[in-house]
PDB file of N, CA and C in Angstrom:
ATOM      1  N   MET A   1     124.084 105.094  76.000  1.00  0.00           N
ATOM      2  CA  MET A   1     124.626 106.545  76.300  1.00  0.00           C
ATOM      3  C   MET A   1     126.179 106.494  76.133  1.00  0.00           C
ATOM      4  N   THR A   2     126.686 107.450  75.579  1.00  0.00           N
ATOM      5  CA  THR A   2     128.283 107.604  75.504  1.00  0.00           C
ATOM      6  C   THR A   2     128.417 107.935  76.844  1.00  0.00           C
ATOM      7  N   PRO A   3     129.853 107.382  77.198  1.00  0.00           N
ATOM      8  CA  PRO A   3     130.433 107.684  78.529  1.00  0.00           C
ATOM      9  C   PRO A   3     130.265 109.149  78.863  1.00  0.00           C
ATOM     10  N   LYS A   4     130.529 110.255  77.739  1.00  0.00           N
ATOM     11  CA  LYS A   4     130.323 111.695  78.067  1.00  0.00           C
ATOM     12  C   LYS A   4     128.889 111.721  78.518  1.00  0.00           C
ATOM     13  N   GLN A   5     127.896 111.274  78.003  1.00  0.00           N
ATOM     14  CA  GLN A   5     126.455 111.407  78.213  1.00  0.00           C
ATOM     15  C   GLN A   5     126.039 111.069  79.807  1.00  0.00           C
ATOM     16  N   LEU A   6     126.562 109.711  80.038  1.00  0.00           N
ATOM     17  CA  LEU A   6     126.673 109.259  81.131  1.00  0.00           C
ATOM     18  C   LEU A   6     127.106 110.112  82.447  1.00  0.00           C
ATOM     19  N   LYS A   7     128.139 110.774  82.326  1.00  0.00           N
ATOM     20  CA  LYS A   7     128.779 111.563  83.126  1.00  0.00           C
ATOM     21  C   LYS A   7     127.890 113.077  83.446  1.00  0.00           C
ATOM     22  N   ILE A   8     127.376 113.354  82.457  1.00  0.00           N
ATOM     23  CA  ILE A   8     126.471 114.759  82.367  1.00  0.00           C
ATOM     24  C   ILE A   8     125.114 114.183  82.971  1.00  0.00           C
ATOM     25  N   ALA A   9     124.825 112.829  82.716  1.00  0.00           N
ATOM     26  CA  ALA A   9     123.499 112.716  83.603  1.00  0.00           C
ATOM     27  C   ALA A   9     123.696 112.416  84.948  1.00  0.00           C
ATOM     28  N   ARG A  10     124.746 112.068  85.336  1.00  0.00           N
ATOM     29  CA  ARG A  10     125.475 111.705  86.740  1.00  0.00           C
ATOM     30  C   ARG A  10     125.520 113.175  87.372  1.00  0.00           C
ATOM     31  N   VAL A  11     125.889 114.073  86.823  1.00  0.00           N
ATOM     32  CA  VAL A  11     126.095 115.375  87.253  1.00  0.00           C
ATOM     33  C   VAL A  11     124.820 116.021  87.582  1.00  0.00           C
ATOM     34  N   HIS A  12     124.178 115.969  86.502  1.00  0.00           N
ATOM     35  CA  HIS A  12     122.535 116.600  86.527  1.00  0.00           C
ATOM     36  C   HIS A  12     121.960 115.949  87.718  1.00  0.00           C
ATOM     37  N   ASN A  13     121.955 114.554  87.966  1.00  0.00           N
ATOM     38  CA  ASN A  13     121.115 113.703  89.168  1.00  0.00           C
ATOM     39  C   ASN A  13     121.976 114.314  90.434  1.00  0.00           C
ATOM     40  N   ARG A  14     123.080 114.493  90.600  1.00  0.00           N
ATOM     41  CA  ARG A  14     123.825 114.974  91.742  1.00  0.00           C
ATOM     42  C   ARG A  14     123.559 116.245  92.118  1.00  0.00           C
ATOM     43  N   MET A  15     123.138 117.152  91.075  1.00  0.00           N
ATOM     44  CA  MET A  15     122.809 118.527  91.375  1.00  0.00           C
ATOM     45  C   MET A  15     121.350 118.470  91.823  1.00  0.00           C
ATOM     46  N   LYS A  16     120.417 117.562  91.259  1.00  0.00           N
ATOM     47  CA  LYS A  16     119.070 117.676  92.018  1.00  0.00           C
ATOM     48  C   LYS A  16     118.933 117.105  93.071  1.00  0.00           C
ATOM     49  N   ARG A  17     119.844 116.226  93.455  1.00  0.00           N
ATOM     50  CA  ARG A  17     119.693 115.437  94.892  1.00  0.00           C
ATOM     51  C   ARG A  17     120.149 116.801  95.675  1.00  0.00           C
ATOM     52  N   ASN A  18     121.502 117.510  95.555  1.00  0.00           N
ATOM     53  CA  ASN A  18     121.676 118.437  96.292  1.00  0.00           C
ATOM     54  C   ASN A  18     120.818 119.560  96.656  1.00  0.00           C
ATOM     55  N   THR A  19     120.126 119.964  95.326  1.00  0.00           N
ATOM     56  CA  THR A  19     118.803 120.956  95.753  1.00  0.00           C
ATOM     57  C   THR A  19     117.868 120.330  96.619  1.00  0.00           C
ATOM     58  N   LEU A  20     117.801 119.217  96.338  1.00  0.00           N
ATOM     59  CA  LEU A  20     116.428 118.488  97.173  1.00  0.00           C
ATOM     60  C   LEU A  20     116.982 118.794  98.657  1.00  0.00           C
ATOM     61  N   ARG A  21     118.263 118.272  99.006  1.00  0.00           N
ATOM     62  CA  ARG A  21     118.948 118.216 100.311  1.00  0.00           C
ATOM     63  C   ARG A  21     118.567 119.423 100.810  1.00  0.00           C
ATOM     64  N   GLU A  22     119.075 120.432 100.434  1.00  0.00           N
ATOM     65  CA  GLU A  22     119.309 121.755 100.725  1.00  0.00           C
ATOM     66  C   GLU A  22     117.872 122.370 101.095  1.00  0.00           C
ATOM     67  N   ALA A  23     116.917 122.080 100.117  1.00  0.00           N
ATOM     68  CA  ALA A  23     115.472 122.515 100.625  1.00  0.00           C
ATOM     69  C   ALA A  23     114.864 121.666 101.741  1.00  0.00           C
ATOM     70  N   ALA A  24     115.467 120.367 101.978  1.00  0.00           N
ATOM     71  CA  ALA A  24     114.935 119.760 103.005  1.00  0.00           C
ATOM     72  C   ALA A  24     115.457 120.277 104.406  1.00  0.00           C
ATOM     73  N   PHE A  25     116.798 120.640 104.320  1.00  0.00           N
ATOM     74  CA  PHE A  25     117.690 121.307 105.726  1.00  0.00           C
ATOM     75  C   PHE A  25     117.109 122.385 105.949  1.00  0.00           C
ATOM     76  N   ASN A  26     116.522 123.343 104.758  1.00  0.00           N
ATOM     77  CA  ASN A  26     116.170 124.618 105.148  1.00  0.00           C
ATOM     78  C   ASN A  26     114.444 124.749 105.347  1.00  0.00           C
ATOM     79  N   ASN A  27     113.937 123.472 105.499  1.00  0.00           N
ATOM     80  CA  ASN A  27     112.565 123.388 105.556  1.00  0.00           C
ATOM     81  C   ASN A  27     111.793 124.335 104.727  1.00  0.00           C
ATOM     82  N   THR A  28     112.131 124.289 103.414  1.00  0.00           N
ATOM     83  CA  THR A  28     111.533 124.734 102.382  1.00  0.00           C
ATOM     84  C   THR A  28     110.587 123.612 101.510  1.00  0.00           C
ATOM     85  N   LEU A  29     111.202 122.314 101.807  1.00  0.00           N
ATOM     86  CA  LEU A  29     110.603 121.392 101.250  1.00  0.00           C
ATOM     87  C   LEU A  29     109.973 120.270 102.180  1.00  0.00           C
ATOM     88  N   GLN A  30     108.941 119.647 102.285  1.00  0.00           N
ATOM     89  CA  GLN A  30     108.411 118.655 103.239  1.00  0.00           C
ATOM     90  C   GLN A  30     108.678 117.403 102.211  1.00  0.00           C
ATOM     91  N   ILE A  31     109.757 116.572 102.651  1.00  0.00           N
ATOM     92  CA  ILE A  31     109.978 115.384 101.736  1.00  0.00           C
ATOM     93  C   ILE A  31     108.772 114.496 101.548  1.00  0.00           C
ATOM     94  N   SER A  32     107.834 114.599 102.631  1.00  0.00           N
ATOM     95  CA  SER A  32     106.805 113.497 102.655  1.00  0.00           C
ATOM     96  C   SER A  32     105.872 113.988 101.649  1.00  0.00           C
ATOM     97  N   SER A  33     106.056 115.150 101.107  1.00  0.00           N
ATOM     98  CA  SER A  33     105.046 115.550  99.928  1.00  0.00           C
ATOM     99  C   SER A  33     105.531 114.999  98.610  1.00  0.00           C
ATOM    100  N   MET A  34     106.880 114.434  98.632  1.00  0.00           N
ATOM    101  CA  MET A  34     107.303 113.760  97.415  1.00  0.00           C
ATOM    102  C   MET A  34     106.566 112.593  97.400  1.00  0.00           C
ATOM    103  N   PHE A  35     106.233 111.880  98.043  1.00  0.00           N
ATOM    104  CA  PHE A  35     105.784 110.546  98.173  1.00  0.00           C
ATOM    105  C   PHE A  35     104.273 110.578  97.209  1.00  0.00           C
ATOM    106  N   GLU A  36     103.701 111.885  97.260  1.00  0.00           N
ATOM    107  CA  GLU A  36     102.458 111.851  96.453  1.00  0.00           C
ATOM    108  C   GLU A  36     102.833 112.582  95.120  1.00  0.00           C
ATOM    109  N   SER A  37     103.722 113.399  95.101  1.00  0.00           N
ATOM    110  CA  SER A  37     104.157 114.097  93.906  1.00  0.00           C
ATOM    111  C   SER A  37     105.073 113.200  92.701  1.00  0.00           C
ATOM    112  N   ASN A  38     106.007 112.476  93.249  1.00  0.00           N
ATOM    113  CA  ASN A  38     106.500 111.645  92.488  1.00  0.00           C
ATOM    114  C   ASN A  38     106.045 110.377  92.042  1.00  0.00           C
ATOM    115  N   THR A  39     105.937 110.199  90.653  1.00  0.00           N
ATOM    116  CA  THR A  39     105.397 109.119  90.289  1.00  0.00           C
ATOM    117  C   THR A  39     105.908 107.852  90.547  1.00  0.00           C
ATOM    118  N   ASP A  40     107.068 107.824  90.519  1.00  0.00           N
ATOM    119  CA  ASP A  40     107.620 106.296  90.910  1.00  0.00           C
ATOM    120  C   ASP A  40     107.249 106.090  92.326  1.00  0.00           C
ATOM    121  N   LEU A  41     107.285 107.137  93.202  1.00  0.00           N
ATOM    122  CA  LEU A  41     107.087 106.795  94.561  1.00  0.00           C
ATOM    123  C   LEU A  41     105.543 106.468  94.848  1.00  0.00           C
ATOM    124  N   ALA A  42     104.758 107.261  94.126  1.00  0.00           N
ATOM    125  CA  ALA A  42     103.542 107.134  94.129  1.00  0.00           C
ATOM    126  C   ALA A  42     102.864 105.623  93.725  1.00  0.00           C
ATOM    127  N   THR A  43     103.353 105.094  92.626  1.00  0.00           N
ATOM    128  CA  THR A  43     103.387 103.652  92.278  1.00  0.00           C
ATOM    129  C   THR A  43     103.866 102.679  93.248  1.00  0.00           C
ATOM    130  N   MET A  44     105.065 102.972  93.700  1.00  0.00           N
ATOM    131  CA  MET A  44     105.559 102.118  94.488  1.00  0.00           C
ATOM    132  C   MET A  44     104.766 101.856  95.626  1.00  0.00           C
ATOM    133  N   ARG A  45     103.930 102.954  96.211  1.00  0.00           N
ATOM    134  CA  ARG A  45     103.273 102.872  97.461  1.00  0.00           C
ATOM    135  C   ARG A  45     101.678 102.425  97.222  1.00  0.00           C
ATOM    136  N   LYS A  46     101.392 102.257  95.889  1.00  0.00           N
ATOM    137  CA  LYS A  46      99.881 101.891  95.664  1.00  0.00           C
ATOM    138  C   LYS A  46      99.507 100.739  96.433  1.00  0.00           C
ATOM    139  N   PRO A  47     100.209  99.402  96.651  1.00  0.00           N
ATOM    140  CA  PRO A  47      99.654  98.229  97.020  1.00  0.00           C
ATOM    141  C   PRO A  47      99.322  98.586  98.448  1.00  0.00           C
ATOM    142  N   PHE A  48      99.492  99.702  99.169  1.00  0.00           N
ATOM    143  CA  PHE A  48      99.270 100.113 100.816  1.00  0.00           C
ATOM    144  C   PHE A  48      97.887 100.639 100.844  1.00  0.00           C
ATOM    145  N   ASN A  49      97.352 100.124 101.802  1.00  0.00           N
ATOM    146  CA  ASN A  49      96.025 100.870 101.955  1.00  0.00           C
ATOM    147  C   ASN A  49      96.199 102.138 103.236  1.00  0.00           C
ATOM    148  N   LYS A  50      94.956 102.797 102.879  1.00  0.00           N
ATOM    149  CA  LYS A  50      95.201 104.287 103.738  1.00  0.00           C
ATOM    150  C   LYS A  50      95.252 104.251 105.103  1.00  0.00           C
ATOM    151  N   LYS A  51      94.913 103.085 105.687  1.00  0.00           N
ATOM    152  CA  LYS A  51      95.124 102.850 107.003  1.00  0.00           C
ATOM    153  C   LYS A  51      96.769 102.527 107.542  1.00  0.00           C
ATOM    154  N   PHE A  52      97.249 101.787 106.540  1.00  0.00           N
ATOM    155  CA  PHE A  52      98.654 101.458 106.742  1.00  0.00           C
ATOM    156  C   PHE A  52      99.398 102.732 106.577  1.00  0.00           C
ATOM    157  N   MET A  53      99.203 103.727 105.642  1.00  0.00           N
ATOM    158  CA  MET A  53      99.877 104.872 105.630  1.00  0.00           C
ATOM    159  C   MET A  53      99.811 105.974 106.479  1.00  0.00           C
ATOM    160  N   LYS A  54      98.511 105.940 107.013  1.00  0.00           N
ATOM    161  CA  LYS A  54      98.219 106.824 108.122  1.00  0.00           C
ATOM    162  C   LYS A  54      99.040 106.683 109.319  1.00  0.00           C
ATOM    163  N   THR A  55      98.971 105.215 109.672  1.00  0.00           N
ATOM    164  CA  THR A  55      99.816 104.819 110.507  1.00  0.00           C
ATOM    165  C   THR A  55     101.248 104.679 110.719  1.00  0.00           C
ATOM    166  N   TRP A  56     101.629 104.593 109.566  1.00  0.00           N
ATOM    167  CA  TRP A  56     103.258 105.031 109.319  1.00  0.00           C
ATOM    168  C   TRP A  56     103.301 106.270 109.392  1.00  0.00           C
ATOM    169  N   GLU A  57     102.557 107.272 108.832  1.00  0.00           N
ATOM    170  CA  GLU A  57     102.717 108.774 108.692  1.00  0.00           C
ATOM    171  C   GLU A  57     102.762 109.379 110.304  1.00  0.00           C
ATOM    172  N   GLN A  58     101.741 108.674 110.860  1.00  0.00           N
ATOM    173  CA  GLN A  58     101.504 109.235 112.549  1.00  0.00           C
ATOM    174  C   GLN A  58     103.031 108.858 113.187  1.00  0.00           C
ATOM    175  N   ALA A  59     103.091 107.584 112.991  1.00  0.00           N
ATOM    176  CA  ALA A  59     104.315 107.003 113.933  1.00  0.00           C
ATOM    177  C   ALA A  59     105.619 107.761 113.651  1.00  0.00           C
ATOM    178  N   PHE A  60     105.999 107.929 112.199  1.00  0.00           N
ATOM    179  CA  PHE A  60     107.068 108.553 111.722  1.00  0.00           C
ATOM    180  C   PHE A  60     107.104 110.169 112.228  1.00  0.00           C
ATOM    181  N   GLY A  61     105.959 110.950 112.234  1.00  0.00           N
ATOM    182  CA  GLY A  61     105.630 112.014 112.633  1.00  0.00           C
ATOM    183  C   GLY A  61     105.977 112.249 114.289  1.00  0.00           C
ATOM    184  N   GLU A  62     105.487 111.361 114.777  1.00  0.00           N
ATOM    185  CA  GLU A  62     105.573 111.497 116.240  1.00  0.00           C
ATOM    186  C   GLU A  62     107.104 111.404 116.575  1.00  0.00           C
ATOM    187  N   TYR A  63     107.745 110.235 115.816  1.00  0.00           N
ATOM    188  CA  TYR A  63     109.166 110.334 116.160  1.00  0.00           C
ATOM    189  C   TYR A  63     110.156 111.369 115.810  1.00  0.00           C
ATOM    190  N   VAL A  64     109.824 112.242 114.714  1.00  0.00           N
ATOM    191  CA  VAL A  64     110.579 113.176 114.032  1.00  0.00           C
ATOM    192  C   VAL A  64     110.462 114.139 115.365  1.00  0.00           C
ATOM    193  N   LYS A  65     109.388 114.434 115.785  1.00  0.00           N
ATOM    194  CA  LYS A  65     108.733 115.563 116.921  1.00  0.00           C
ATOM    195  C   LYS A  65     109.439 115.397 118.117  1.00  0.00           C
ATOM    196  N   GLY A  66     109.956 113.945 118.392  1.00  0.00           N
ATOM    197  CA  GLY A  66     110.371 113.597 119.505  1.00  0.00           C
ATOM    198  C   GLY A  66     109.538 113.259 120.586  1.00  0.00           C
ATOM    199  N   GLU A  67     108.328 112.878 120.111  1.00  0.00           N
ATOM    200  CA  GLU A  67     107.178 112.156 120.938  1.00  0.00           C
ATOM    201  C   GLU A  67     107.404 110.738 121.022  1.00  0.00           C
ATOM    202  N   TRP A  68     108.499 110.473 122.181  1.00  0.00           N
ATOM    203  CA  TRP A  68     109.077 108.982 121.834  1.00  0.00           C
ATOM    204  C   TRP A  68     107.946 108.006 122.415  1.00  0.00           C
ATOM    205  N   VAL A  69     107.331 108.305 123.327  1.00  0.00           N
ATOM    206  CA  VAL A  69     106.238 107.225 123.814  1.00  0.00           C
ATOM    207  C   VAL A  69     105.137 106.933 122.821  1.00  0.00           C
ATOM    208  N   ALA A  70     104.759 107.899 122.345  1.00  0.00           N
ATOM    209  CA  ALA A  70     103.485 108.037 121.509  1.00  0.00           C
ATOM    210  C   ALA A  70     104.240 107.435 120.301  1.00  0.00           C
ATOM    211  N   ALA A  71     105.254 107.566 119.674  1.00  0.00           N
ATOM    212  CA  ALA A  71     105.907 107.145 118.582  1.00  0.00           C
ATOM    213  C   ALA A  71     105.881 105.519 118.732  1.00  0.00           C
ATOM    214  N   LEU A  72     106.706 105.319 119.812  1.00  0.00           N
ATOM    215  CA  LEU A  72     106.856 103.648 119.987  1.00  0.00           C
ATOM    216  C   LEU A  72     105.434 102.791 120.160  1.00  0.00           C
ATOM    217  N   GLU A  73     104.357 103.511 120.590  1.00  0.00           N
ATOM    218  CA  GLU A  73     103.242 102.535 120.539  1.00  0.00           C
ATOM    219  C   GLU A  73     102.482 102.885 119.186  1.00  0.00           C
ATOM    220  N   THR A  74     102.697 103.978 118.365  1.00  0.00           N
ATOM    221  CA  THR A  74     102.146 103.983 117.064  1.00  0.00           C
ATOM    222  C   THR A  74     103.115 102.890 116.067  1.00  0.00           C
ATOM    223  N   PHE A  75     104.334 102.803 116.292  1.00  0.00           N
ATOM    224  CA  PHE A  75     105.034 101.848 115.575  1.00  0.00           C
ATOM    225  C   PHE A  75     104.935 100.372 115.744  1.00  0.00           C
ATOM    226  N   GLU A  76     104.502 100.204 117.363  1.00  0.00           N
ATOM    227  CA  GLU A  76     103.985  98.915 117.427  1.00  0.00           C
ATOM    228  C   GLU A  76     102.594  98.516 116.864  1.00  0.00           C
ATOM    229  N   GLN A  77     101.873  99.479 116.915  1.00  0.00           N
ATOM    230  CA  GLN A  77     100.231  99.132 116.110  1.00  0.00           C
ATOM    231  C   GLN A  77     100.746  99.080 114.705  1.00  0.00           C
ATOM    232  N   PHE A  78     101.682  99.722 114.375  1.00  0.00           N
ATOM    233  CA  PHE A  78     102.060  99.552 112.701  1.00  0.00           C
ATOM    234  C   PHE A  78     102.397  98.248 112.376  1.00  0.00           C
ATOM    235  N   LEU A  79     103.138  97.598 113.325  1.00  0.00           N
ATOM    236  CA  LEU A  79     103.592  95.995 113.163  1.00  0.00           C
ATOM    237  C   LEU A  79     102.551  95.326 113.044  1.00  0.00           C
ATOM    238  N   VAL A  80     101.506  95.380 113.854  1.00  0.00           N
ATOM    239  CA  VAL A  80     100.224  94.662 113.447  1.00  0.00           C
ATOM    240  C   VAL A  80      99.719  94.494 112.249  1.00  0.00           C
ATOM    241  N   LEU A  81      99.970  95.655 111.487  1.00  0.00           N
ATOM    242  CA  LEU A  81      99.133  95.945 110.075  1.00  0.00           C
ATOM    243  C   LEU A  81     100.328  95.363 108.936  1.00  0.00           C
ATOM    244  N   LYS A  82     101.456  95.189 109.410  1.00  0.00           N
ATOM    245  CA  LYS A  82     102.690  94.690 108.384  1.00  0.00           C
ATOM    246  C   LYS A  82     103.833  94.175 109.464  1.00  0.00           C
ATOM    247  N   GLU A  83     103.289  92.945 109.726  1.00  0.00           N
ATOM    248  CA  GLU A  83     104.490  92.243 110.706  1.00  0.00           C
ATOM    249  C   GLU A  83     105.747  92.019 110.225  1.00  0.00           C
ATOM    250  N   GLY A  84     106.620  92.314 110.766  1.00  0.00           N
ATOM    251  CA  GLY A  84     108.024  92.002 110.458  1.00  0.00           C
ATOM    252  C   GLY A  84     108.655  93.245 109.567  1.00  0.00           C
ATOM    253  N   ASP A  85     108.131  94.488 109.505  1.00  0.00           N
ATOM    254  CA  ASP A  85     108.416  95.467 108.740  1.00  0.00           C
ATOM    255  C   ASP A  85     109.849  95.770 109.078  1.00  0.00           C
ATOM    256  N   LYS A  86     110.761  95.915 108.486  1.00  0.00           N
ATOM    257  CA  LYS A  86     112.279  96.346 108.617  1.00  0.00           C
ATOM    258  C   LYS A  86     112.299  97.619 109.153  1.00  0.00           C
ATOM    259  N   PRO A  87     111.926  98.752 108.529  1.00  0.00           N
ATOM    260  CA  PRO A  87     112.262 100.294 108.955  1.00  0.00           C
ATOM    261  C   PRO A  87     111.603 100.186 110.135  1.00  0.00           C
ATOM    262  N   ALA A  88     110.142  99.658 110.494  1.00  0.00           N
ATOM    263  CA  ALA A  88     109.673 100.065 111.781  1.00  0.00           C
ATOM    264  C   ALA A  88     110.025  99.287 113.036  1.00  0.00           C
ATOM    265  N   THR A  89     110.579  98.101 112.447  1.00  0.00           N
ATOM    266  CA  THR A  89     111.349  97.385 113.601  1.00  0.00           C
ATOM    267  C   THR A  89     112.649  98.003 113.849  1.00  0.00           C
ATOM    268  N   LEU A  90     113.473  98.525 112.913  1.00  0.00           N
ATOM    269  CA  LEU A  90     114.909  99.031 113.163  1.00  0.00           C
ATOM    270  C   LEU A  90     114.582 100.390 113.972  1.00  0.00           C
ATOM    271  N   ILE A  91     113.514 101.040 113.734  1.00  0.00           N
ATOM    272  CA  ILE A  91     113.267 102.445 114.588  1.00  0.00           C
ATOM    273  C   ILE A  91     112.984 101.746 116.070  1.00  0.00           C
ATOM    274  N   ILE A  92     112.130 100.946 116.126  1.00  0.00           N
ATOM    275  CA  ILE A  92     111.484 100.602 117.498  1.00  0.00           C
ATOM    276  C   ILE A  92     112.789  99.853 118.223  1.00  0.00           C
ATOM    277  N   ASP A  93     113.744  99.168 117.738  1.00  0.00           N
ATOM    278  CA  ASP A  93     114.905  98.758 118.321  1.00  0.00           C
ATOM    279  C   ASP A  93     115.697  99.968 118.946  1.00  0.00           C
ATOM    280  N   PHE A  94     115.875 100.765 117.716  1.00  0.00           N
ATOM    281  CA  PHE A  94     116.746 102.188 118.005  1.00  0.00           C
ATOM    282  C   PHE A  94     116.328 102.864 119.310  1.00  0.00           C
ATOM    283  N   MET A  95     114.984 102.986 119.264  1.00  0.00           N
ATOM    284  CA  MET A  95     114.291 103.843 120.376  1.00  0.00           C
ATOM    285  C   MET A  95     114.435 103.064 121.754  1.00  0.00           C
ATOM    286  N   LYS A  96     114.532 101.826 121.875  1.00  0.00           N
ATOM    287  CA  LYS A  96     114.564 100.910 123.051  1.00  0.00           C
ATOM    288  C   LYS A  96     116.024 100.743 123.140  1.00  0.00           C
ATOM    289  N   GLU A  97     116.816 100.809 122.459  1.00  0.00           N
ATOM    290  CA  GLU A  97     118.160 100.771 122.727  1.00  0.00           C
ATOM    291  C   GLU A  97     118.881 102.281 123.702  1.00  0.00           C
ATOM    292  N   ASN A  98     118.192 102.852 122.943  1.00  0.00           N
ATOM    293  CA  ASN A  98     118.528 104.523 123.554  1.00  0.00           C
ATOM    294  C   ASN A  98     117.529 104.987 124.809  1.00  0.00           C
ATOM    295  N   ASN A  99     116.779 104.075 124.856  1.00  0.00           N
ATOM    296  CA  ASN A  99     115.800 104.535 126.143  1.00  0.00           C
ATOM    297  C   ASN A  99     114.964 105.780 126.019  1.00  0.00           C
ATOM    298  N   MET A 100     114.369 105.749 124.548  1.00  0.00           N
ATOM    299  CA  MET A 100     113.636 106.903 124.101  1.00  0.00           C
ATOM    300  C   MET A 100     112.223 106.518 124.547  1.00  0.00           C
TER     301      MET A 100
END
């Protein structure tokens, strides 16, 4: 690609990101739905079984809703399924540090 084409592609990608961000902030888009509709994300998630995904979705959903005790318990159950998972560990650490 020429430098001009690269710049145009960057601008188009930025516009797409801005549109998605605005939709998410306005509650007109559920980001979680993209994990099923986006082919790259769907391919990336293939190695993980349904129990793994269901436990993560439950834990994160509880976290987003502010159900701290339930979220902490579910994230800890999740770590049994995938020991040492960095995102889950970081969320658990954050919750504990902030007495959530």
